[in-house]
């Protein structure tokens, strides 16, 4: 799970939407719960970016 979540987080941070979609589809196909995909991959990637968008 760590490799998946770090790869997904990195893809989010890089803005690589095609890679994000690919990784999410792969995770779902492997049976990972959607909540885990969100909490362990997508959200950490978005949180890492939040400082870049503050005024």
Protein backbone atom coordinates (compact mmCIF):
# COMPACT_ATOMS: atom_id res chain seq x y z
CA UNK A 1 0.00 0.00 0.00
CA UNK A 2 2.85 2.38 0.71
CA UNK A 3 4.20 2.27 -2.85
CA UNK A 4 0.72 2.78 -4.22
CA UNK A 5 -0.11 5.67 -1.91
CA UNK A 6 3.20 7.45 -2.44
CA UNK A 7 2.93 7.01 -6.21
CA UNK A 8 -0.61 8.34 -6.24
CA UNK A 9 0.30 11.24 -3.98
CA UNK A 10 3.24 12.11 -6.24
CA UNK A 11 1.07 12.00 -9.36
CA UNK A 12 -1.42 14.37 -7.71
CA UNK A 13 1.38 16.77 -6.77
CA UNK A 14 2.75 16.70 -10.31
CA UNK A 15 -0.69 17.33 -11.78
CA UNK A 16 -0.45 14.15 -13.84
CA UNK A 17 -4.17 13.49 -14.19
CA UNK A 18 -3.72 10.52 -16.53
CA UNK A 19 -1.40 8.78 -14.06
CA UNK A 20 -3.80 9.53 -11.18
CA UNK A 21 -6.69 7.97 -13.09
CA UNK A 22 -4.57 4.95 -14.05
CA UNK A 23 -3.42 4.37 -10.45
CA UNK A 24 -6.93 4.77 -9.03
CA UNK A 25 -8.34 2.29 -11.56
CA UNK A 26 -5.56 -0.19 -10.76
CA UNK A 27 -6.18 0.16 -7.03
CA UNK A 28 -9.91 -0.38 -7.45
CA UNK A 29 -9.27 -3.41 -9.67
CA UNK A 30 -7.05 -4.86 -6.93
CA UNK A 31 -9.90 -4.48 -4.48
CA UNK A 32 -8.64 -1.54 -2.45
CA UNK A 33 -11.48 0.35 -0.78
CA UNK A 34 -12.23 3.75 -2.31
CA UNK A 35 -11.87 5.38 1.11
CA UNK A 36 -8.31 4.05 1.44
CA UNK A 37 -7.46 5.38 -2.01
CA UNK A 38 -8.73 8.79 -0.97
CA UNK A 39 -7.24 8.91 2.51
CA UNK A 40 -3.86 7.34 1.76
CA UNK A 41 -3.15 8.61 -1.75
CA UNK A 42 -5.27 11.47 -3.04
CA UNK A 43 -5.66 13.54 0.13
CA UNK A 44 -1.96 13.51 1.10
CA UNK A 45 -1.09 14.69 -2.41
CA UNK A 46 -3.58 17.55 -2.18
CA UNK A 47 -2.42 18.47 1.33
CA UNK A 48 1.16 18.73 0.10
CA UNK A 49 0.03 21.31 -2.45
CA UNK A 50 -2.15 23.45 -0.18
CA UNK A 51 0.70 25.76 0.82
CA UNK A 52 1.31 26.70 -2.80
CA UNK A 53 -2.14 28.24 -3.16
CA UNK A 54 -2.32 30.44 -0.09
CA UNK A 55 -2.41 34.21 -0.60
